[in-house]
PDB file of all heavy atoms in Angstrom:
ATOM      1  N   GLU A   1     127.779  98.053  84.321  1.00  0.00           N
ATOM      2  CA  GLU A   1     128.868  98.924  84.857  1.00  0.00           C
ATOM      3  C   GLU A   1     129.911  98.108  85.662  1.00  0.00           C
ATOM      4  O   GLU A   1     130.757  98.664  86.325  1.00  0.00           O
ATOM      5  CB  GLU A   1     128.336 100.010  85.789  1.00  0.00           C
ATOM      6  CG  GLU A   1     127.382 101.009  85.086  1.00  0.00           C
ATOM      7  CD  GLU A   1     128.128 101.833  84.109  1.00  0.00           C
ATOM      8  OE1 GLU A   1     129.234 102.227  84.334  1.00  0.00           O
ATOM      9  OE2 GLU A   1     127.600 102.136  83.015  1.00  0.00           O
ATOM     10  N   SER A   2     129.747  96.795  85.526  1.00  0.00           N
ATOM     11  CA  SER A   2     130.682  95.810  86.226  1.00  0.00           C
ATOM     12  C   SER A   2     130.510  95.670  87.697  1.00  0.00           C
ATOM     13  O   SER A   2     131.441  95.168  88.401  1.00  0.00           O
ATOM     14  CB  SER A   2     132.142  96.150  85.917  1.00  0.00           C
ATOM     15  OG  SER A   2     132.391  96.085  84.452  1.00  0.00           O
ATOM     16  N   TYR A   3     129.365  96.044  88.221  1.00  0.00           N
ATOM     17  CA  TYR A   3     129.049  95.810  89.590  1.00  0.00           C
ATOM     18  C   TYR A   3     128.467  94.410  89.810  1.00  0.00           C
ATOM     19  O   TYR A   3     127.690  93.920  88.935  1.00  0.00           O
ATOM     20  CB  TYR A   3     128.029  96.863  90.186  1.00  0.00           C
ATOM     21  CG  TYR A   3     128.506  98.246  90.179  1.00  0.00           C
ATOM     22  CD1 TYR A   3     127.820  99.212  89.425  1.00  0.00           C
ATOM     23  CD2 TYR A   3     129.611  98.658  90.911  1.00  0.00           C
ATOM     24  CE1 TYR A   3     128.278 100.549  89.412  1.00  0.00           C
ATOM     25  CE2 TYR A   3     130.069  99.932  90.995  1.00  0.00           C
ATOM     26  CZ  TYR A   3     129.363 100.947  90.279  1.00  0.00           C
ATOM     27  OH  TYR A   3     129.847 102.169  90.260  1.00  0.00           O
ATOM     28  N   THR A   4     128.794  93.767  90.917  1.00  0.00           N
ATOM     29  CA  THR A   4     128.086  92.513  91.238  1.00  0.00           C
ATOM     30  C   THR A   4     126.785  92.950  92.053  1.00  0.00           C
ATOM     31  O   THR A   4     126.844  93.826  92.806  1.00  0.00           O
ATOM     32  CB  THR A   4     128.991  91.551  92.058  1.00  0.00           C
ATOM     33  OG1 THR A   4     129.430  92.278  93.265  1.00  0.00           O
ATOM     34  CG2 THR A   4     130.176  91.118  91.252  1.00  0.00           C
ATOM     35  N   VAL A   5     125.732  92.133  91.849  1.00  0.00           N
ATOM     36  CA  VAL A   5     124.469  92.515  92.408  1.00  0.00           C
ATOM     37  C   VAL A   5     123.723  91.330  93.004  1.00  0.00           C
ATOM     38  O   VAL A   5     123.768  90.188  92.478  1.00  0.00           O
ATOM     39  CB  VAL A   5     123.571  93.122  91.277  1.00  0.00           C
ATOM     40  CG1 VAL A   5     122.202  93.408  91.724  1.00  0.00           C
ATOM     41  CG2 VAL A   5     124.219  94.280  90.569  1.00  0.00           C
ATOM     42  N   SER A   6     123.024  91.614  94.079  1.00  0.00           N
ATOM     43  CA  SER A   6     122.045  90.654  94.672  1.00  0.00           C
ATOM     44  C   SER A   6     120.758  91.453  94.841  1.00  0.00           C
ATOM     45  O   SER A   6     120.677  92.642  94.945  1.00  0.00           O
ATOM     46  CB  SER A   6     122.429  90.234  96.101  1.00  0.00           C
ATOM     47  OG  SER A   6     123.515  89.276  95.991  1.00  0.00           O
ATOM     48  N   ILE A   7     119.609  90.655  94.723  1.00  0.00           N
ATOM     49  CA  ILE A   7     118.287  91.213  94.726  1.00  0.00           C
ATOM     50  C   ILE A   7     117.494  90.584  95.896  1.00  0.00           C
ATOM     51  O   ILE A   7     117.440  89.333  96.010  1.00  0.00           O
ATOM     52  CB  ILE A   7     117.576  91.036  93.401  1.00  0.00           C
ATOM     53  CG1 ILE A   7     118.376  91.706  92.285  1.00  0.00           C
ATOM     54  CG2 ILE A   7     116.178  91.587  93.450  1.00  0.00           C
ATOM     55  CD1 ILE A   7     117.730  91.439  90.870  1.00  0.00           C
ATOM     56  N   ALA A   8     116.802  91.453  96.629  1.00  0.00           N
ATOM     57  CA  ALA A   8     115.880  90.944  97.616  1.00  0.00           C
ATOM     58  C   ALA A   8     114.506  91.652  97.392  1.00  0.00           C
ATOM     59  O   ALA A   8     114.506  92.831  97.197  1.00  0.00           O
ATOM     60  CB  ALA A   8     116.352  91.318  99.025  1.00  0.00           C
ATOM     61  N   ASP A   9     113.419  90.894  97.512  1.00  0.00           N
ATOM     62  CA  ASP A   9     112.090  91.413  97.237  1.00  0.00           C
ATOM     63  C   ASP A   9     111.322  91.675  98.534  1.00  0.00           C
ATOM     64  O   ASP A   9     110.119  91.999  98.504  1.00  0.00           O
ATOM     65  CB  ASP A   9     111.284  90.581  96.321  1.00  0.00           C
ATOM     66  CG  ASP A   9     111.079  89.114  96.795  1.00  0.00           C
ATOM     67  OD1 ASP A   9     111.480  88.836  97.909  1.00  0.00           O
ATOM     68  OD2 ASP A   9     110.577  88.265  96.009  1.00  0.00           O
ATOM     69  N   SER A  10     111.992  91.517  99.720  1.00  0.00           N
ATOM     70  CA  SER A  10     111.354  91.855 101.010  1.00  0.00           C
ATOM     71  C   SER A  10     112.393  92.320 101.985  1.00  0.00           C
ATOM     72  O   SER A  10     113.594  92.014 101.773  1.00  0.00           O
ATOM     73  CB  SER A  10     110.630  90.555 101.509  1.00  0.00           C
ATOM     74  OG  SER A  10     111.599  89.615 101.930  1.00  0.00           O
ATOM     75  N   GLY A  11     111.911  92.945 103.049  1.00  0.00           N
ATOM     76  CA  GLY A  11     112.902  93.428 104.025  1.00  0.00           C
ATOM     77  C   GLY A  11     113.581  92.257 104.724  1.00  0.00           C
ATOM     78  O   GLY A  11     114.756  92.288 105.003  1.00  0.00           O
ATOM     79  N   GLU A  12     112.835  91.156 105.020  1.00  0.00           N
ATOM     80  CA  GLU A  12     113.398  90.041 105.723  1.00  0.00           C
ATOM     81  C   GLU A  12     114.502  89.334 104.896  1.00  0.00           C
ATOM     82  O   GLU A  12     115.520  89.022 105.368  1.00  0.00           O
ATOM     83  CB  GLU A  12     112.277  89.040 106.102  1.00  0.00           C
ATOM     84  CG  GLU A  12     111.349  89.502 107.154  1.00  0.00           C
ATOM     85  CD  GLU A  12     110.204  90.313 106.552  1.00  0.00           C
ATOM     86  OE1 GLU A  12     110.265  90.683 105.363  1.00  0.00           O
ATOM     87  OE2 GLU A  12     109.280  90.613 107.313  1.00  0.00           O
ATOM     88  N   LYS A  13     114.150  89.185 103.569  1.00  0.00           N
ATOM     89  CA  LYS A  13     115.252  88.613 102.648  1.00  0.00           C
ATOM     90  C   LYS A  13     116.412  89.470 102.585  1.00  0.00           C
ATOM     91  O   LYS A  13     117.589  88.987 102.492  1.00  0.00           O
ATOM     92  CB  LYS A  13     114.657  88.307 101.366  1.00  0.00           C
ATOM     93  CG  LYS A  13     115.521  87.590 100.360  1.00  0.00           C
ATOM     94  CD  LYS A  13     114.882  87.241  99.069  1.00  0.00           C
ATOM     95  CE  LYS A  13     115.797  86.469  98.126  1.00  0.00           C
ATOM     96  NZ  LYS A  13     115.144  86.225  96.793  1.00  0.00           N
ATOM     97  N   ALA A  14     116.198  90.761 102.557  1.00  0.00           N
ATOM     98  CA  ALA A  14     117.353  91.692 102.420  1.00  0.00           C
ATOM     99  C   ALA A  14     118.311  91.615 103.626  1.00  0.00           C
ATOM    100  O   ALA A  14     119.449  91.551 103.480  1.00  0.00           O
ATOM    101  CB  ALA A  14     116.801  93.094 102.286  1.00  0.00           C
ATOM    102  N   LEU A  15     117.677  91.497 104.877  1.00  0.00           N
ATOM    103  CA  LEU A  15     118.500  91.453 105.977  1.00  0.00           C
ATOM    104  C   LEU A  15     119.236  90.055 106.090  1.00  0.00           C
ATOM    105  O   LEU A  15     120.354  89.974 106.477  1.00  0.00           O
ATOM    106  CB  LEU A  15     117.642  91.579 107.294  1.00  0.00           C
ATOM    107  CG  LEU A  15     117.061  92.975 107.446  1.00  0.00           C
ATOM    108  CD1 LEU A  15     116.143  93.030 108.656  1.00  0.00           C
ATOM    109  CD2 LEU A  15     118.192  93.960 107.673  1.00  0.00           C
ATOM    110  N   SER A  16     118.547  89.002 105.627  1.00  0.00           N
ATOM    111  CA  SER A  16     119.229  87.691 105.573  1.00  0.00           C
ATOM    112  C   SER A  16     120.389  87.731 104.598  1.00  0.00           C
ATOM    113  O   SER A  16     121.514  87.205 104.908  1.00  0.00           O
ATOM    114  CB  SER A  16     118.148  86.635 105.169  1.00  0.00           C
ATOM    115  OG  SER A  16     118.812  85.392 104.988  1.00  0.00           O
ATOM    116  N   LEU A  17     120.289  88.263 103.460  1.00  0.00           N
ATOM    117  CA  LEU A  17     121.249  88.346 102.430  1.00  0.00           C
ATOM    118  C   LEU A  17     122.432  89.198 102.987  1.00  0.00           C
ATOM    119  O   LEU A  17     123.645  88.884 102.819  1.00  0.00           O
ATOM    120  CB  LEU A  17     120.757  88.850 101.057  1.00  0.00           C
ATOM    121  CG  LEU A  17     119.915  87.939 100.252  1.00  0.00           C
ATOM    122  CD1 LEU A  17     119.412  88.654  99.095  1.00  0.00           C
ATOM    123  CD2 LEU A  17     120.719  86.700  99.836  1.00  0.00           C
ATOM    124  N   PHE A  18     122.093  90.315 103.525  1.00  0.00           N
ATOM    125  CA  PHE A  18     123.101  91.172 104.041  1.00  0.00           C
ATOM    126  C   PHE A  18     123.937  90.507 105.202  1.00  0.00           C
ATOM    127  O   PHE A  18     125.162  90.693 105.250  1.00  0.00           O
ATOM    128  CB  PHE A  18     122.560  92.496 104.586  1.00  0.00           C
ATOM    129  CG  PHE A  18     123.524  93.555 104.938  1.00  0.00           C
ATOM    130  CD1 PHE A  18     124.076  94.372 103.980  1.00  0.00           C
ATOM    131  CD2 PHE A  18     123.899  93.687 106.282  1.00  0.00           C
ATOM    132  CE1 PHE A  18     125.072  95.364 104.344  1.00  0.00           C
ATOM    133  CE2 PHE A  18     124.855  94.665 106.711  1.00  0.00           C
ATOM    134  CZ  PHE A  18     125.411  95.423 105.754  1.00  0.00           C
ATOM    135  N   GLU A  19     123.239  89.843 105.990  1.00  0.00           N
ATOM    136  CA  GLU A  19     123.880  89.144 107.253  1.00  0.00           C
ATOM    137  C   GLU A  19     124.914  88.052 106.662  1.00  0.00           C
ATOM    138  O   GLU A  19     125.905  87.894 107.236  1.00  0.00           O
ATOM    139  CB  GLU A  19     122.786  88.498 108.106  1.00  0.00           C
ATOM    140  CG  GLU A  19     123.375  87.713 109.299  1.00  0.00           C
ATOM    141  CD  GLU A  19     123.718  88.578 110.416  1.00  0.00           C
ATOM    142  OE1 GLU A  19     123.425  89.836 110.413  1.00  0.00           O
ATOM    143  OE2 GLU A  19     124.228  88.073 111.447  1.00  0.00           O
ATOM    144  N   LYS A  20     124.498  87.374 105.689  1.00  0.00           N
ATOM    145  CA  LYS A  20     125.260  86.266 105.139  1.00  0.00           C
ATOM    146  C   LYS A  20     126.400  86.725 104.250  1.00  0.00           C
ATOM    147  O   LYS A  20     127.532  86.203 104.398  1.00  0.00           O
ATOM    148  CB  LYS A  20     124.340  85.273 104.381  1.00  0.00           C
ATOM    149  CG  LYS A  20     123.441  84.392 105.254  1.00  0.00           C
ATOM    150  CD  LYS A  20     122.579  83.491 104.360  1.00  0.00           C
ATOM    151  CE  LYS A  20     121.696  82.613 105.194  1.00  0.00           C
ATOM    152  NZ  LYS A  20     120.843  81.713 104.410  1.00  0.00           N
ATOM    153  N   TYR A  21     126.110  87.682 103.347  1.00  0.00           N
ATOM    154  CA  TYR A  21     127.022  87.974 102.320  1.00  0.00           C
ATOM    155  C   TYR A  21     127.602  89.398 102.328  1.00  0.00           C
ATOM    156  O   TYR A  21     128.655  89.638 101.786  1.00  0.00           O
ATOM    157  CB  TYR A  21     126.461  87.704 100.924  1.00  0.00           C
ATOM    158  CG  TYR A  21     125.991  86.270 100.813  1.00  0.00           C
ATOM    159  CD1 TYR A  21     124.578  86.090 100.670  1.00  0.00           C
ATOM    160  CD2 TYR A  21     126.788  85.208 100.762  1.00  0.00           C
ATOM    161  CE1 TYR A  21     124.050  84.790 100.426  1.00  0.00           C
ATOM    162  CE2 TYR A  21     126.287  83.862 100.698  1.00  0.00           C
ATOM    163  CZ  TYR A  21     124.975  83.756 100.520  1.00  0.00           C
ATOM    164  OH  TYR A  21     124.490  82.445 100.402  1.00  0.00           O
ATOM    165  N   GLY A  22     126.882  90.272 102.962  1.00  0.00           N
ATOM    166  CA  GLY A  22     127.332  91.714 102.974  1.00  0.00           C
ATOM    167  C   GLY A  22     127.045  92.344 101.639  1.00  0.00           C
ATOM    168  O   GLY A  22     126.677  91.744 100.678  1.00  0.00           O
ATOM    169  N   ALA A  23     127.374  93.643 101.638  1.00  0.00           N
ATOM    170  CA  ALA A  23     127.217  94.407 100.367  1.00  0.00           C
ATOM    171  C   ALA A  23     127.997  95.779 100.560  1.00  0.00           C
ATOM    172  O   ALA A  23     128.051  96.266 101.742  1.00  0.00           O
ATOM    173  CB  ALA A  23     125.719  94.749 100.015  1.00  0.00           C
ATOM    174  N   ARG A  24     128.532  96.263  99.527  1.00  0.00           N
ATOM    175  CA  ARG A  24     129.279  97.535  99.575  1.00  0.00           C
ATOM    176  C   ARG A  24     128.309  98.662  99.580  1.00  0.00           C
ATOM    177  O   ARG A  24     128.654  99.803 100.030  1.00  0.00           O
ATOM    178  CB  ARG A  24     130.279  97.657  98.412  1.00  0.00           C
ATOM    179  CG  ARG A  24     131.380  96.596  98.486  1.00  0.00           C
ATOM    180  CD  ARG A  24     132.243  96.716  97.276  1.00  0.00           C
ATOM    181  NE  ARG A  24     132.880  97.995  97.194  1.00  0.00           N
ATOM    182  CZ  ARG A  24     133.174  98.650  95.999  1.00  0.00           C
ATOM    183  NH1 ARG A  24     132.817  98.045  94.855  1.00  0.00           N
ATOM    184  NH2 ARG A  24     133.761  99.807  95.946  1.00  0.00           N
ATOM    185  N   LEU A  25     127.100  98.508  99.087  1.00  0.00           N
ATOM    186  CA  LEU A  25     126.137  99.571  99.036  1.00  0.00           C
ATOM    187  C   LEU A  25     124.749  98.903  98.922  1.00  0.00           C
ATOM    188  O   LEU A  25     124.587  97.787  98.256  1.00  0.00           O
ATOM    189  CB  LEU A  25     126.265 100.442  97.825  1.00  0.00           C
ATOM    190  CG  LEU A  25     125.362 101.612  97.684  1.00  0.00           C
ATOM    191  CD1 LEU A  25     126.075 102.838  97.119  1.00  0.00           C
ATOM    192  CD2 LEU A  25     124.220 101.345  96.751  1.00  0.00           C
ATOM    193  N   VAL A  26     123.710  99.467  99.636  1.00  0.00           N
ATOM    194  CA  VAL A  26     122.343  98.968  99.567  1.00  0.00           C
ATOM    195  C   VAL A  26     121.427 100.021  98.872  1.00  0.00           C
ATOM    196  O   VAL A  26     121.437 101.164  99.239  1.00  0.00           O
ATOM    197  CB  VAL A  26     121.775  98.671 100.998  1.00  0.00           C
ATOM    198  CG1 VAL A  26     120.380  98.264 100.907  1.00  0.00           C
ATOM    199  CG2 VAL A  26     122.676  97.684 101.697  1.00  0.00           C
ATOM    200  N   LEU A  27     120.709  99.554  97.899  1.00  0.00           N
ATOM    201  CA  LEU A  27     119.760 100.374  97.155  1.00  0.00           C
ATOM    202  C   LEU A  27     118.334  99.893  97.602  1.00  0.00           C
ATOM    203  O   LEU A  27     117.939  98.789  97.327  1.00  0.00           O
ATOM    204  CB  LEU A  27     119.914 100.165  95.609  1.00  0.00           C
ATOM    205  CG  LEU A  27     119.286 101.170  94.646  1.00  0.00           C
ATOM    206  CD1 LEU A  27     119.880 102.581  95.006  1.00  0.00           C
ATOM    207  CD2 LEU A  27     119.625 100.760  93.210  1.00  0.00           C
ATOM    208  N   LEU A  28     117.637 100.753  98.378  1.00  0.00           N
ATOM    209  CA  LEU A  28     116.576 100.349  99.228  1.00  0.00           C
ATOM    210  C   LEU A  28     115.260 101.035  98.932  1.00  0.00           C
ATOM    211  O   LEU A  28     115.234 102.330  99.009  1.00  0.00           O
ATOM    212  CB  LEU A  28     116.960 100.528 100.675  1.00  0.00           C
ATOM    213  CG  LEU A  28     115.974 100.288 101.796  1.00  0.00           C
ATOM    214  CD1 LEU A  28     115.663  98.808 101.870  1.00  0.00           C
ATOM    215  CD2 LEU A  28     116.505 100.739 103.141  1.00  0.00           C
ATOM    216  N   ASP A  29     114.180 100.287  98.592  1.00  0.00           N
ATOM    217  CA  ASP A  29     112.861 100.818  98.495  1.00  0.00           C
ATOM    218  C   ASP A  29     112.237 100.945  99.927  1.00  0.00           C
ATOM    219  O   ASP A  29     112.652 100.261 100.867  1.00  0.00           O
ATOM    220  CB  ASP A  29     111.978  99.882  97.620  1.00  0.00           C
ATOM    221  CG  ASP A  29     110.663 100.540  97.255  1.00  0.00           C
ATOM    222  OD1 ASP A  29     110.478 101.743  97.508  1.00  0.00           O
ATOM    223  OD2 ASP A  29     109.760  99.792  96.843  1.00  0.00           O
ATOM    224  N   ILE A  30     111.216 101.855 100.090  1.00  0.00           N
ATOM    225  CA  ILE A  30     110.594 101.971 101.367  1.00  0.00           C
ATOM    226  C   ILE A  30     109.390 101.060 101.465  1.00  0.00           C
ATOM    227  O   ILE A  30     109.225 100.335 102.517  1.00  0.00           O
ATOM    228  CB  ILE A  30     110.158 103.417 101.690  1.00  0.00           C
ATOM    229  CG1 ILE A  30     111.422 104.279 101.794  1.00  0.00           C
ATOM    230  CG2 ILE A  30     109.352 103.501 102.910  1.00  0.00           C
ATOM    231  CD1 ILE A  30     111.023 105.844 101.976  1.00  0.00           C
ATOM    232  N   SER A  31     108.619 101.048 100.410  1.00  0.00           N
ATOM    233  CA  SER A  31     107.335 100.303 100.503  1.00  0.00           C
ATOM    234  C   SER A  31     107.624  98.822 100.122  1.00  0.00           C
ATOM    235  O   SER A  31     107.653  98.431  98.981  1.00  0.00           O
ATOM    236  CB  SER A  31     106.362 100.856  99.453  1.00  0.00           C
ATOM    237  OG  SER A  31     106.042 102.265  99.743  1.00  0.00           O
ATOM    238  N   LEU A  32     107.789  98.029 101.158  1.00  0.00           N
ATOM    239  CA  LEU A  32     108.083  96.623 101.026  1.00  0.00           C
ATOM    240  C   LEU A  32     107.042  95.859 101.851  1.00  0.00           C
ATOM    241  O   LEU A  32     106.505  96.371 102.802  1.00  0.00           O
ATOM    242  CB  LEU A  32     109.507  96.236 101.563  1.00  0.00           C
ATOM    243  CG  LEU A  32     110.661  97.004 100.854  1.00  0.00           C
ATOM    244  CD1 LEU A  32     111.945  96.804 101.673  1.00  0.00           C
ATOM    245  CD2 LEU A  32     110.934  96.477  99.510  1.00  0.00           C
ATOM    246  N   PRO A  33     106.858  94.567 101.465  1.00  0.00           N
ATOM    247  CA  PRO A  33     105.935  93.728 102.285  1.00  0.00           C
ATOM    248  C   PRO A  33     106.419  93.453 103.636  1.00  0.00           C
ATOM    249  O   PRO A  33     107.604  93.218 103.810  1.00  0.00           O
ATOM    250  CB  PRO A  33     105.761  92.474 101.401  1.00  0.00           C
ATOM    251  CG  PRO A  33     107.007  92.420 100.532  1.00  0.00           C
ATOM    252  CD  PRO A  33     107.391  93.886 100.283  1.00  0.00           C
ATOM    253  N   GLU A  34     105.564  93.512 104.613  1.00  0.00           N
ATOM    254  CA  GLU A  34     105.807  93.135 105.955  1.00  0.00           C
ATOM    255  C   GLU A  34     106.701  94.088 106.659  1.00  0.00           C
ATOM    256  O   GLU A  34     106.315  94.844 107.541  1.00  0.00           O
ATOM    257  CB  GLU A  34     106.372  91.714 106.070  1.00  0.00           C
ATOM    258  CG  GLU A  34     105.306  90.678 105.530  1.00  0.00           C
ATOM    259  CD  GLU A  34     105.833  89.244 105.656  1.00  0.00           C
ATOM    260  OE1 GLU A  34     106.804  89.014 106.387  1.00  0.00           O
ATOM    261  OE2 GLU A  34     105.293  88.359 104.970  1.00  0.00           O
ATOM    262  N   MET A  35     107.975  94.131 106.336  1.00  0.00           N
ATOM    263  CA  MET A  35     108.938  95.058 106.943  1.00  0.00           C
ATOM    264  C   MET A  35     109.333  96.182 105.973  1.00  0.00           C
ATOM    265  O   MET A  35     109.820  95.857 104.919  1.00  0.00           O
ATOM    266  CB  MET A  35     110.262  94.318 107.402  1.00  0.00           C
ATOM    267  CG  MET A  35     111.291  95.192 108.054  1.00  0.00           C
ATOM    268  SD  MET A  35     112.872  94.324 108.317  1.00  0.00           S
ATOM    269  CE  MET A  35     112.373  93.155 109.569  1.00  0.00           C
TER     270      MET A  35
END
């Protein structure tokens, strides 16, 4: 659909990617390792 995408497989990695690069929308699972 022409969206650019990043993928994180943990809460910590998600926050790190969001802090560095940002995102226009977050698609978020609840059951993640650690956080």
